[in-house]
PDB file of N, CA and C in Angstrom:
ATOM      1  N   MET A   1       0.840  -1.160   0.000  1.00  0.00           N
ATOM      2  CA  MET A   1       0.000   0.000   0.000  1.00  0.00           C
ATOM      3  C   MET A   1       0.891   1.231   0.000  1.00  0.00           C
ATOM      4  N   GLY A   2       0.550   2.180  -0.809  1.00  0.00           N
ATOM      5  CA  GLY A   2       1.349   3.387  -0.897  1.00  0.00           C
ATOM      6  C   GLY A   2       0.906   4.470   0.069  1.00  0.00           C
ATOM      7  N   ASP A   3       1.611   5.582   0.060  1.00  0.00           N
ATOM      8  CA  ASP A   3       1.252   6.715   0.910  1.00  0.00           C
ATOM      9  C   ASP A   3      -0.065   7.346   0.480  1.00  0.00           C
ATOM     10  N   ASN A   4      -0.420   7.148  -0.757  1.00  0.00           N
ATOM     11  CA  ASN A   4      -1.654   7.716  -1.291  1.00  0.00           C
ATOM     12  C   ASN A   4      -2.775   6.684  -1.198  1.00  0.00           C
ATOM     13  N   ARG A   5      -2.943   6.084  -0.029  1.00  0.00           N
ATOM     14  CA  ARG A   5      -3.820   4.924   0.127  1.00  0.00           C
ATOM     15  C   ARG A   5      -5.280   5.172  -0.201  1.00  0.00           C
ATOM     16  N   HIS A   6      -5.767   6.406  -0.066  1.00  0.00           N
ATOM     17  CA  HIS A   6      -7.170   6.675  -0.322  1.00  0.00           C
ATOM     18  C   HIS A   6      -7.446   6.984  -1.795  1.00  0.00           C
ATOM     19  N   ASP A   7      -6.416   7.178  -2.566  1.00  0.00           N
ATOM     20  CA  ASP A   7      -6.611   7.521  -3.977  1.00  0.00           C
ATOM     21  C   ASP A   7      -5.594   6.776  -4.840  1.00  0.00           C
ATOM     22  N   SER A   8      -5.411   5.478  -4.578  1.00  0.00           N
ATOM     23  CA  SER A   8      -4.455   4.715  -5.373  1.00  0.00           C
ATOM     24  C   SER A   8      -5.077   3.395  -5.813  1.00  0.00           C
ATOM     25  N   ASP A   9      -4.575   2.857  -6.883  1.00  0.00           N
ATOM     26  CA  ASP A   9      -5.033   1.569  -7.382  1.00  0.00           C
ATOM     27  C   ASP A   9      -4.039   0.504  -6.953  1.00  0.00           C
ATOM     28  N   ASP A  10      -4.218  -0.013  -5.740  1.00  0.00           N
ATOM     29  CA  ASP A  10      -3.329  -1.040  -5.232  1.00  0.00           C
ATOM     30  C   ASP A  10      -4.042  -2.392  -5.253  1.00  0.00           C
ATOM     31  N   SER A  11      -3.567  -3.357  -4.498  1.00  0.00           N
ATOM     32  CA  SER A  11      -4.113  -4.712  -4.552  1.00  0.00           C
ATOM     33  C   SER A  11      -5.580  -4.776  -4.149  1.00  0.00           C
ATOM     34  N   ARG A  12      -6.063  -3.786  -3.414  1.00  0.00           N
ATOM     35  CA  ARG A  12      -7.492  -3.777  -3.087  1.00  0.00           C
ATOM     36  C   ARG A  12      -8.328  -3.527  -4.337  1.00  0.00           C
ATOM     37  N   TYR A  13      -7.758  -2.907  -5.341  1.00  0.00           N
ATOM     38  CA  TYR A  13      -8.474  -2.579  -6.575  1.00  0.00           C
ATOM     39  C   TYR A  13      -8.335  -3.689  -7.624  1.00  0.00           C
ATOM     40  N   TRP A  14      -7.109  -4.179  -7.865  1.00  0.00           N
ATOM     41  CA  TRP A  14      -6.884  -5.126  -8.955  1.00  0.00           C
ATOM     42  C   TRP A  14      -6.428  -6.505  -8.515  1.00  0.00           C
ATOM     43  N   GLY A  15      -6.348  -6.790  -7.220  1.00  0.00           N
ATOM     44  CA  GLY A  15      -6.033  -8.144  -6.749  1.00  0.00           C
ATOM     45  C   GLY A  15      -4.559  -8.349  -6.427  1.00  0.00           C
ATOM     46  N   PHE A  16      -4.224  -9.593  -6.062  1.00  0.00           N
ATOM     47  CA  PHE A  16      -2.852  -9.931  -5.681  1.00  0.00           C
ATOM     48  C   PHE A  16      -1.903  -9.922  -6.879  1.00  0.00           C
ATOM     49  N   VAL A  17      -0.634  -9.649  -6.608  1.00  0.00           N
ATOM     50  CA  VAL A  17       0.407  -9.687  -7.622  1.00  0.00           C
ATOM     51  C   VAL A  17       1.018 -11.090  -7.601  1.00  0.00           C
ATOM     52  N   PRO A  18       1.094 -11.764  -8.757  1.00  0.00           N
ATOM     53  CA  PRO A  18       1.742 -13.077  -8.780  1.00  0.00           C
ATOM     54  C   PRO A  18       3.205 -12.960  -8.346  1.00  0.00           C
ATOM     55  N   GLU A  19       3.692 -13.939  -7.602  1.00  0.00           N
ATOM     56  CA  GLU A  19       5.048 -13.889  -7.054  1.00  0.00           C
ATOM     57  C   GLU A  19       6.109 -13.743  -8.143  1.00  0.00           C
ATOM     58  N   ASP A  20       5.883 -14.335  -9.313  1.00  0.00           N
ATOM     59  CA  ASP A  20       6.880 -14.242 -10.380  1.00  0.00           C
ATOM     60  C   ASP A  20       6.926 -12.854 -11.038  1.00  0.00           C
ATOM     61  N   HIS A  21       5.991 -11.962 -10.665  1.00  0.00           N
ATOM     62  CA  HIS A  21       5.991 -10.585 -11.180  1.00  0.00           C
ATOM     63  C   HIS A  21       6.784  -9.634 -10.281  1.00  0.00           C
ATOM     64  N   ILE A  22       7.179 -10.083  -9.106  1.00  0.00           N
ATOM     65  CA  ILE A  22       7.920  -9.240  -8.166  1.00  0.00           C
ATOM     66  C   ILE A  22       9.397  -9.270  -8.567  1.00  0.00           C
ATOM     67  N   VAL A  23       9.955  -8.074  -8.836  1.00  0.00           N
ATOM     68  CA  VAL A  23      11.327  -8.009  -9.341  1.00  0.00           C
ATOM     69  C   VAL A  23      12.298  -7.341  -8.383  1.00  0.00           C
ATOM     70  N   GLY A  24      11.812  -6.855  -7.256  1.00  0.00           N
ATOM     71  CA  GLY A  24      12.707  -6.176  -6.327  1.00  0.00           C
ATOM     72  C   GLY A  24      12.120  -6.120  -4.932  1.00  0.00           C
ATOM     73  N   LYS A  25      12.817  -5.432  -4.054  1.00  0.00           N
ATOM     74  CA  LYS A  25      12.387  -5.296  -2.671  1.00  0.00           C
ATOM     75  C   LYS A  25      12.565  -3.844  -2.248  1.00  0.00           C
ATOM     76  N   ALA A  26      11.566  -3.317  -1.552  1.00  0.00           N
ATOM     77  CA  ALA A  26      11.674  -1.946  -1.041  1.00  0.00           C
ATOM     78  C   ALA A  26      12.724  -1.890   0.051  1.00  0.00           C
ATOM     79  N   LEU A  27      13.595  -0.873  -0.003  1.00  0.00           N
ATOM     80  CA  LEU A  27      14.670  -0.753   0.978  1.00  0.00           C
ATOM     81  C   LEU A  27      14.471   0.407   1.941  1.00  0.00           C
ATOM     82  N   PHE A  28      13.906   1.521   1.446  1.00  0.00           N
ATOM     83  CA  PHE A  28      13.707   2.683   2.296  1.00  0.00           C
ATOM     84  C   PHE A  28      12.557   3.533   1.777  1.00  0.00           C
ATOM     85  N   ILE A  29      12.073   4.424   2.631  1.00  0.00           N
ATOM     86  CA  ILE A  29      11.000   5.355   2.267  1.00  0.00           C
ATOM     87  C   ILE A  29      11.645   6.561   1.598  1.00  0.00           C
ATOM     88  N   TRP A  30      11.301   6.810   0.357  1.00  0.00           N
ATOM     89  CA  TRP A  30      11.890   7.900  -0.420  1.00  0.00           C
ATOM     90  C   TRP A  30      11.258   9.238  -0.059  1.00  0.00           C
ATOM     91  N   MET A  31       9.913   9.298  -0.032  1.00  0.00           N
ATOM     92  CA  MET A  31       9.200  10.544   0.245  1.00  0.00           C
ATOM     93  C   MET A  31       7.880  10.200   0.908  1.00  0.00           C
ATOM     94  N   SER A  32       7.457  11.010   1.854  1.00  0.00           N
ATOM     95  CA  SER A  32       6.182  10.811   2.528  1.00  0.00           C
ATOM     96  C   SER A  32       5.507  12.158   2.689  1.00  0.00           C
ATOM     97  N   ILE A  33       4.318  12.292   2.095  1.00  0.00           N
ATOM     98  CA  ILE A  33       3.594  13.564   2.098  1.00  0.00           C
ATOM     99  C   ILE A  33       2.214  13.360   2.709  1.00  0.00           C
ATOM    100  N   ASP A  34       1.792  14.312   3.517  1.00  0.00           N
ATOM    101  CA  ASP A  34       0.472  14.294   4.141  1.00  0.00           C
ATOM    102  C   ASP A  34      -0.404  15.301   3.413  1.00  0.00           C
ATOM    103  N   ASP A  35      -1.356  14.825   2.621  1.00  0.00           N
ATOM    104  CA  ASP A  35      -2.229  15.712   1.846  1.00  0.00           C
ATOM    105  C   ASP A  35      -3.156  16.550   2.724  1.00  0.00           C
ATOM    106  N   ASP A  36      -3.438  16.088   3.933  1.00  0.00           N
ATOM    107  CA  ASP A  36      -4.360  16.809   4.806  1.00  0.00           C
ATOM    108  C   ASP A  36      -3.679  17.901   5.632  1.00  0.00           C
ATOM    109  N   ALA A  37      -2.376  17.981   5.600  1.00  0.00           N
ATOM    110  CA  ALA A  37      -1.637  18.960   6.404  1.00  0.00           C
ATOM    111  C   ALA A  37      -1.576  20.311   5.695  1.00  0.00           C
ATOM    112  N   SER A  38      -1.191  21.329   6.449  1.00  0.00           N
ATOM    113  CA  SER A  38      -1.027  22.661   5.867  1.00  0.00           C
ATOM    114  C   SER A  38       0.189  22.662   4.939  1.00  0.00           C
ATOM    115  N   PHE A  39       0.336  23.718   4.170  1.00  0.00           N
ATOM    116  CA  PHE A  39       1.390  23.787   3.151  1.00  0.00           C
ATOM    117  C   PHE A  39       2.780  23.536   3.728  1.00  0.00           C
ATOM    118  N   PHE A  40       3.093  24.124   4.865  1.00  0.00           N
ATOM    119  CA  PHE A  40       4.431  24.010   5.445  1.00  0.00           C
ATOM    120  C   PHE A  40       4.647  22.706   6.215  1.00  0.00           C
ATOM    121  N   SER A  41       3.597  21.944   6.422  1.00  0.00           N
ATOM    122  CA  SER A  41       3.711  20.695   7.188  1.00  0.00           C
ATOM    123  C   SER A  41       3.454  19.450   6.339  1.00  0.00           C
ATOM    124  N   LYS A  42       3.401  19.600   5.033  1.00  0.00           N
ATOM    125  CA  LYS A  42       3.062  18.470   4.161  1.00  0.00           C
ATOM    126  C   LYS A  42       4.092  17.347   4.185  1.00  0.00           C
ATOM    127  N   ILE A  43       5.361  17.669   4.220  1.00  0.00           N
ATOM    128  CA  ILE A  43       6.395  16.638   4.187  1.00  0.00           C
ATOM    129  C   ILE A  43       6.553  16.045   5.579  1.00  0.00           C
ATOM    130  N   ARG A  44       6.492  14.724   5.650  1.00  0.00           N
ATOM    131  CA  ARG A  44       6.708  14.022   6.921  1.00  0.00           C
ATOM    132  C   ARG A  44       8.209  13.773   7.064  1.00  0.00           C
ATOM    133  N   TRP A  45       8.923  14.764   7.607  1.00  0.00           N
ATOM    134  CA  TRP A  45      10.378  14.736   7.672  1.00  0.00           C
ATOM    135  C   TRP A  45      10.909  13.531   8.440  1.00  0.00           C
ATOM    136  N   SER A  46      10.199  13.089   9.453  1.00  0.00           N
ATOM    137  CA  SER A  46      10.676  11.971  10.272  1.00  0.00           C
ATOM    138  C   SER A  46      10.667  10.641   9.511  1.00  0.00           C
ATOM    139  N   ARG A  47       9.969  10.579   8.378  1.00  0.00           N
ATOM    140  CA  ARG A  47       9.882   9.327   7.626  1.00  0.00           C
ATOM    141  C   ARG A  47      10.837   9.274   6.438  1.00  0.00           C
ATOM    142  N   LEU A  48      11.391  10.416   6.006  1.00  0.00           N
ATOM    143  CA  LEU A  48      12.229  10.435   4.818  1.00  0.00           C
ATOM    144  C   LEU A  48      13.464   9.558   4.995  1.00  0.00           C
ATOM    145  N   PHE A  49      13.730   8.755   3.990  1.00  0.00           N
ATOM    146  CA  PHE A  49      14.904   7.862   3.917  1.00  0.00           C
ATOM    147  C   PHE A  49      15.018   6.877   5.075  1.00  0.00           C
ATOM    148  N   ARG A  50      13.890   6.562   5.718  1.00  0.00           N
ATOM    149  CA  ARG A  50      13.888   5.542   6.776  1.00  0.00           C
ATOM    150  C   ARG A  50      14.014   4.173   6.153  1.00  0.00           C
ATOM    151  N   VAL A  51      14.826   3.322   6.738  1.00  0.00           N
ATOM    152  CA  VAL A  51      15.030   1.961   6.238  1.00  0.00           C
ATOM    153  C   VAL A  51      13.799   1.129   6.564  1.00  0.00           C
ATOM    154  N   ILE A  52      13.368   0.317   5.604  1.00  0.00           N
ATOM    155  CA  ILE A  52      12.246  -0.600   5.801  1.00  0.00           C
ATOM    156  C   ILE A  52      12.811  -1.956   6.172  1.00  0.00           C
ATOM    157  N   HIS A  53      12.343  -2.496   7.277  1.00  0.00           N
ATOM    158  CA  HIS A  53      12.831  -3.799   7.737  1.00  0.00           C
ATOM    159  C   HIS A  53      12.029  -4.922   7.147  1.00  0.00           C
TER     160      HIS A  53
END
């Protein structure tokens, strides 16, 4: 699920991804934006470049 969970076409929309279609692994969070926040608070600074375990 992406950061844009309320307006994205993920597995809830089109179903599961076959295992042979997976070509990589997520390593870190590149960018995280909060659409509901004010202009100066949109970027979630604490999440940028965080390693995904």
